[in-house]
C-alpha cells in the first residue's frame, strides 16, 4: 500500500503501524509523487493526507480518479487521513472519490479496520466513515491540555507489546528535529502577515504534536488554525504563545530549546 503524507512524524507513525500489522508499505511526501508512484506500481490501498504543500489530497485524488496516473488510480481505494474532524471535510473527501475518512492523530483501531475493509475488496464509489465527524480540536473542551502525555506514545502497538520499545523515543526525536523549522515558519509568516502560511503550518504542527502527545502545543496550533480559518487576521499573540509552549515542552522533557528567530517572536 501507499502512504502519502508530507509531515515526517505522521508519515513515520502510519508506516510503522502498517508494517506492524504485516503490510508492505511505500511512502511519498507529496501529491505529485503519489501520482508517479501509482503510475509506476500497483497498490491495494492509498492512505492519503488531505493537506500537503504542493498538491493537496483532494486534488491528487481528483487526478487519480480522472486517470492521470493510469488505470490503477481510477479504482484504487483511497483512505483520507486528516487533522480536520468536521463533517464538511469528510464530505469534501468523499465528493472527490475517496472511500473512507480517518482523523489524525491516527486511531490505531480505526486505521486497522479501514485497511481490512478496503485492502482486499476494492469497491469504487462505496464509502464507510467512522462516526466521529465534528469531533473538533484535539483536546476536550474546558480541559487544560497536558504539556506532554506519555500515554500517547506508550499506546503505539509496537511499544505497548514490547516488540519495539524504543520506537516512541524515535518518534519523539523526529518530532523535536522538525519543531524548529515548523515554529520558525509560523513565527516568520506571522511577522510578515502571511496568514495562509501560518494556517497551513499550524495544521501540520497540530497533527504531529498530537501524534507524540505534545497536547498543549497541539491545542495552541489548533487554536491558531481555527482562528485563521474563521477569518480572524490578528496574529499578534501567536509568536509569543508558540514560543512559550515550545519552552514548556523542552523543559518538561529535558530537551534543548533551539533558538527561534528572535525578531519573529518580538515583532508581531
Protein backbone atom coordinates (compact mmCIF):
# COMPACT_ATOMS: atom_id res chain seq x y z
CA UNK A 1 0.00 0.00 0.00
CA UNK A 2 0.97 3.64 -0.43
CA UNK A 3 1.11 6.30 2.28
CA UNK A 4 1.01 9.89 1.04
CA UNK A 5 1.93 12.32 3.83
CA UNK A 6 4.20 15.36 3.81
CA UNK A 7 4.69 15.61 7.58
CA UNK A 8 7.60 13.42 8.69
CA UNK A 9 6.26 12.40 12.12
CA UNK A 10 2.82 11.36 10.90
CA UNK A 11 4.29 9.59 7.88
CA UNK A 12 6.66 7.53 10.00
CA UNK A 13 4.00 6.62 12.58
CA UNK A 14 1.46 5.49 9.97
CA UNK A 15 4.07 3.47 8.07
CA UNK A 16 5.34 1.79 11.24
CA UNK A 17 1.81 0.87 12.35
CA UNK A 18 1.01 -0.61 8.94
CA UNK A 19 4.31 -2.52 8.94
CA UNK A 20 3.47 -3.80 12.42
CA UNK A 21 0.23 -5.26 11.06
CA UNK A 22 2.15 -7.04 8.31
CA UNK A 23 1.57 -4.75 5.34
CA UNK A 24 4.19 -3.82 2.76
CA UNK A 25 4.29 -0.03 2.63
CA UNK A 26 5.78 2.59 0.36
CA UNK A 27 5.62 6.26 1.33
CA UNK A 28 5.84 9.54 -0.57
CA UNK A 29 5.69 13.11 0.68
CA UNK A 30 3.68 14.92 -1.99
CA UNK A 31 0.70 14.67 -4.28
CA UNK A 32 2.86 14.74 -7.40
CA UNK A 33 4.98 11.90 -6.03
CA UNK A 34 1.78 9.96 -5.34
CA UNK A 35 0.68 10.27 -8.96
CA UNK A 36 4.05 8.98 -10.12
CA UNK A 37 4.01 6.12 -7.61
CA UNK A 38 0.55 4.92 -8.66
CA UNK A 39 1.53 5.23 -12.30
CA UNK A 40 4.60 3.04 -11.73
CA UNK A 41 3.27 0.33 -9.41
CA UNK A 42 0.11 -1.39 -8.25
CA UNK A 43 -1.24 -0.57 -4.78
CA UNK A 44 -4.11 -2.21 -2.94
CA UNK A 45 -4.81 0.89 -0.84
CA UNK A 46 -3.67 4.52 -0.74
CA UNK A 47 -3.67 6.34 2.61
CA UNK A 48 -3.88 9.99 1.60
CA UNK A 49 -3.12 13.08 3.68
CA UNK A 50 -5.55 15.85 2.80
CA UNK A 51 -3.30 18.88 3.38
CA UNK A 52 0.02 18.93 1.54
CA UNK A 53 2.15 21.80 0.33
CA UNK A 54 2.49 21.04 -3.36
CA UNK A 55 -0.89 19.49 -4.17
CA UNK A 56 -3.47 18.62 -1.56
CA UNK A 57 -5.02 15.19 -1.17
CA UNK A 58 -8.30 16.28 -2.70
CA UNK A 59 -6.68 17.46 -5.93
CA UNK A 60 -4.44 14.39 -6.00
CA UNK A 61 -7.50 12.16 -5.67
CA UNK A 62 -9.32 14.04 -8.45
CA UNK A 63 -6.38 13.42 -10.76
CA UNK A 64 -6.13 9.77 -9.79
CA UNK A 65 -9.84 9.25 -10.43
CA UNK A 66 -9.51 11.07 -13.77
CA UNK A 67 -6.88 8.56 -14.88
CA UNK A 68 -3.85 10.88 -14.83
CA UNK A 69 -1.82 8.12 -13.15
CA UNK A 70 -3.17 5.40 -15.40
CA UNK A 71 -5.95 2.87 -14.78
CA UNK A 72 -4.57 1.90 -11.36
CA UNK A 73 -5.55 5.23 -9.88
CA UNK A 74 -9.15 5.12 -11.05
CA UNK A 75 -10.32 2.32 -8.79
CA UNK A 76 -7.73 2.05 -6.02
CA UNK A 77 -9.35 2.51 -2.58
CA UNK A 78 -8.24 5.83 -1.05
CA UNK A 79 -8.45 6.44 2.70
CA UNK A 80 -8.33 10.10 3.68
CA UNK A 81 -6.17 10.97 6.65
CA UNK A 82 -6.76 14.47 8.01
CA UNK A 83 -6.35 16.56 11.13
CA UNK A 84 -9.75 18.13 10.39
CA UNK A 85 -12.59 16.21 12.04
CA UNK A 86 -15.56 18.14 10.71
CA UNK A 87 -18.40 16.88 8.55
CA UNK A 88 -17.64 19.40 5.82
CA UNK A 89 -14.12 17.98 5.48
CA UNK A 90 -15.44 14.43 5.35
CA UNK A 91 -17.97 15.37 2.69
CA UNK A 92 -15.27 17.08 0.61
CA UNK A 93 -13.15 13.92 0.73
CA UNK A 94 -16.00 11.69 -0.37
CA UNK A 95 -17.08 14.11 -3.09
CA UNK A 96 -13.76 13.78 -4.94
CA UNK A 97 -13.83 9.97 -4.82
CA UNK A 98 -12.14 8.97 -1.57
CA UNK A 99 -13.58 5.83 0.01
CA UNK A 100 -13.01 6.39 3.71
CA UNK A 101 -12.13 9.14 6.19
CA UNK A 102 -9.87 8.93 9.24
CA UNK A 103 -8.65 11.68 11.54
CA UNK A 104 -5.22 12.49 12.94
CA UNK A 105 -3.66 11.68 15.28
CA UNK A 106 -4.27 8.27 13.82
CA UNK A 107 -6.52 5.93 15.77
CA UNK A 108 -4.85 2.53 15.50
CA UNK A 109 -8.08 0.51 15.60
CA UNK A 110 -9.81 2.73 13.02
CA UNK A 111 -6.80 2.53 10.70
CA UNK A 112 -6.59 -1.26 11.01
CA UNK A 113 -10.32 -1.65 10.33
CA UNK A 114 -10.20 0.68 7.33
CA UNK A 115 -7.28 -1.21 5.80
CA UNK A 116 -9.04 -4.51 6.38
CA UNK A 117 -12.26 -3.12 4.91
CA UNK A 118 -10.72 -1.80 1.70
CA UNK A 119 -7.48 -3.71 1.25
CA UNK A 120 -8.99 -6.92 -0.03
CA UNK A 121 -12.18 -5.71 -1.65
CA UNK A 122 -11.60 -2.64 -3.84
CA UNK A 123 -15.00 -1.05 -4.32
CA UNK A 124 -15.03 2.31 -6.04
CA UNK A 125 -17.89 4.56 -5.07
CA UNK A 126 -18.73 2.95 -1.72
CA UNK A 127 -17.97 4.92 1.42
CA UNK A 128 -17.77 3.97 5.07
CA UNK A 129 -16.84 6.63 7.62
CA UNK A 130 -16.36 6.27 11.36
CA UNK A 131 -18.91 8.24 13.42
CA UNK A 132 -16.54 10.86 14.78
CA UNK A 133 -17.03 13.82 12.44
CA UNK A 134 -17.37 17.21 14.14
CA UNK A 135 -15.15 15.97 16.95
CA UNK A 136 -13.39 19.34 16.91
CA UNK A 137 -9.90 20.09 18.17
CA UNK A 138 -7.59 17.53 19.68
CA UNK A 139 -8.32 18.46 23.31
CA UNK A 140 -11.59 18.15 25.20
CA UNK A 141 -13.46 21.44 25.67
CA UNK A 142 -12.78 23.02 29.04
CA UNK A 143 -9.88 20.69 29.86
CA UNK A 144 -6.42 22.20 30.16
CA UNK A 145 -4.25 20.18 27.77
CA UNK A 146 -1.20 18.43 29.17
CA UNK A 147 2.16 19.75 28.11
CA UNK A 148 3.11 16.14 27.37
CA UNK A 149 1.01 12.99 27.60
CA UNK A 150 3.33 9.96 27.69
CA UNK A 151 0.41 7.56 27.21
CA UNK A 152 0.12 8.54 23.53
CA UNK A 153 3.45 7.01 22.52
CA UNK A 154 3.07 4.17 25.03
CA UNK A 155 -0.12 3.12 23.23
CA UNK A 156 1.61 2.54 19.90
CA UNK A 157 1.26 -1.21 19.30
CA UNK A 158 4.96 -1.93 18.82
CA UNK A 159 5.74 -0.05 22.02
CA UNK A 160 2.85 -1.49 24.02
CA UNK A 161 3.73 -5.12 23.24
CA UNK A 162 7.46 -4.63 23.75
CA UNK A 163 8.44 -5.60 20.20
CA UNK A 164 9.93 -2.14 19.53
CA UNK A 165 10.12 -0.50 22.97
CA UNK A 166 12.40 2.30 21.75
CA UNK A 167 10.14 3.39 18.89
CA UNK A 168 8.39 6.02 20.99
CA UNK A 169 11.73 7.72 21.54
CA UNK A 170 12.47 7.51 17.81
CA UNK A 171 9.22 9.33 17.01
CA UNK A 172 9.87 11.93 19.70
CA UNK A 173 13.32 12.57 18.23
CA UNK A 174 11.77 13.07 14.78
CA UNK A 175 9.26 15.49 16.27
CA UNK A 176 11.85 17.61 18.08
CA UNK A 177 14.00 17.67 14.96
CA UNK A 178 11.07 19.06 12.96
CA UNK A 179 9.90 21.59 15.57
CA UNK A 180 12.37 24.45 14.96
CA UNK A 181 11.55 24.53 11.25
CA UNK A 182 7.77 24.44 11.79
CA UNK A 183 7.84 27.04 14.55
CA UNK A 184 10.31 29.23 12.67
CA UNK A 185 7.99 29.17 9.64
CA UNK A 186 4.98 30.14 11.77
CA UNK A 187 6.82 32.94 13.54
CA UNK A 188 8.30 34.40 10.36
CA UNK A 189 4.99 34.16 8.48
CA UNK A 190 3.11 35.80 11.35
CA UNK A 191 5.68 38.59 11.41
CA UNK A 192 5.15 39.27 7.71
CA UNK A 193 1.35 38.92 7.87
CA UNK A 194 1.26 35.73 5.80
CA UNK A 195 -1.89 34.17 7.27
CA UNK A 196 -2.07 31.38 4.70
CA UNK A 197 1.37 30.04 5.61
CA UNK A 198 0.61 30.31 9.34
CA UNK A 199 -2.63 28.38 8.91
CA UNK A 200 -1.07 25.68 6.75
CA UNK A 201 1.93 25.20 9.03
CA UNK A 202 -0.19 25.27 12.20
CA UNK A 203 -2.26 22.47 10.67
CA UNK A 204 0.84 20.31 10.27
CA UNK A 205 2.10 21.19 13.74
CA UNK A 206 -1.27 20.35 15.27
CA UNK A 207 -1.33 16.81 13.95
CA UNK A 208 2.34 15.98 14.56
CA UNK A 209 2.17 17.34 18.11
CA UNK A 210 -0.92 15.31 18.93
CA UNK A 211 0.71 12.21 17.44
CA UNK A 212 3.52 12.32 20.01
CA UNK A 213 1.46 13.54 22.97
CA UNK A 214 2.52 17.21 22.96
CA UNK A 215 -1.05 18.19 23.68
CA UNK A 216 -0.57 21.82 24.76
CA UNK A 217 1.38 22.56 21.58
CA UNK A 218 -1.28 20.74 19.55
CA UNK A 219 -4.01 22.83 21.20
CA UNK A 220 -2.10 26.04 20.50
CA UNK A 221 -1.71 25.10 16.83
CA UNK A 222 -5.37 24.06 16.59
CA UNK A 223 -6.46 27.39 18.05
CA UNK A 224 -4.30 29.36 15.63
CA UNK A 225 -5.58 27.37 12.66
CA UNK A 226 -9.20 27.74 13.75
CA UNK A 227 -8.96 31.50 14.26
CA UNK A 228 -7.41 31.99 10.84
CA UNK A 229 -9.92 29.64 9.26
CA UNK A 230 -12.67 31.83 10.74
CA UNK A 231 -11.09 34.87 9.10
CA UNK A 232 -9.55 36.46 12.17
CA UNK A 233 -6.41 38.15 10.78
CA UNK A 234 -4.87 39.16 14.13
CA UNK A 235 -1.70 37.08 14.56
CA UNK A 236 -0.02 39.30 17.15
CA UNK A 237 -0.27 36.83 20.04
CA UNK A 238 0.80 33.67 18.24
CA UNK A 239 4.60 34.12 18.14
CA UNK A 240 4.97 34.51 21.91
CA UNK A 241 2.43 31.79 22.64
CA UNK A 242 4.09 29.22 20.39
CA UNK A 243 7.49 30.08 21.83
CA UNK A 244 6.11 29.68 25.37
CA UNK A 245 4.66 26.24 24.58
CA UNK A 246 7.92 25.20 22.97
CA UNK A 247 9.86 26.25 26.08
CA UNK A 248 7.44 24.42 28.40
CA UNK A 249 7.71 21.24 26.34
CA UNK A 250 11.51 21.35 26.20
CA UNK A 251 11.71 21.98 29.94
CA UNK A 252 9.39 19.08 30.81
CA UNK A 253 11.24 16.59 28.60
CA UNK A 254 14.76 17.88 29.23
CA UNK A 255 15.28 18.79 25.59
CA UNK A 256 17.45 21.67 24.37
CA UNK A 257 15.44 24.72 23.37
CA UNK A 258 16.63 25.52 19.85
CA UNK A 259 16.89 29.21 19.14
CA UNK A 260 13.96 30.53 17.12
CA UNK A 261 14.07 33.79 15.14
CA UNK A 262 14.00 36.41 17.92
CA UNK A 263 12.84 39.09 15.51
CA UNK A 264 9.79 37.00 14.63
CA UNK A 265 8.93 36.31 18.27
CA UNK A 266 9.01 40.00 19.19
CA UNK A 267 7.93 41.85 16.09
CA UNK A 268 4.30 40.83 15.66
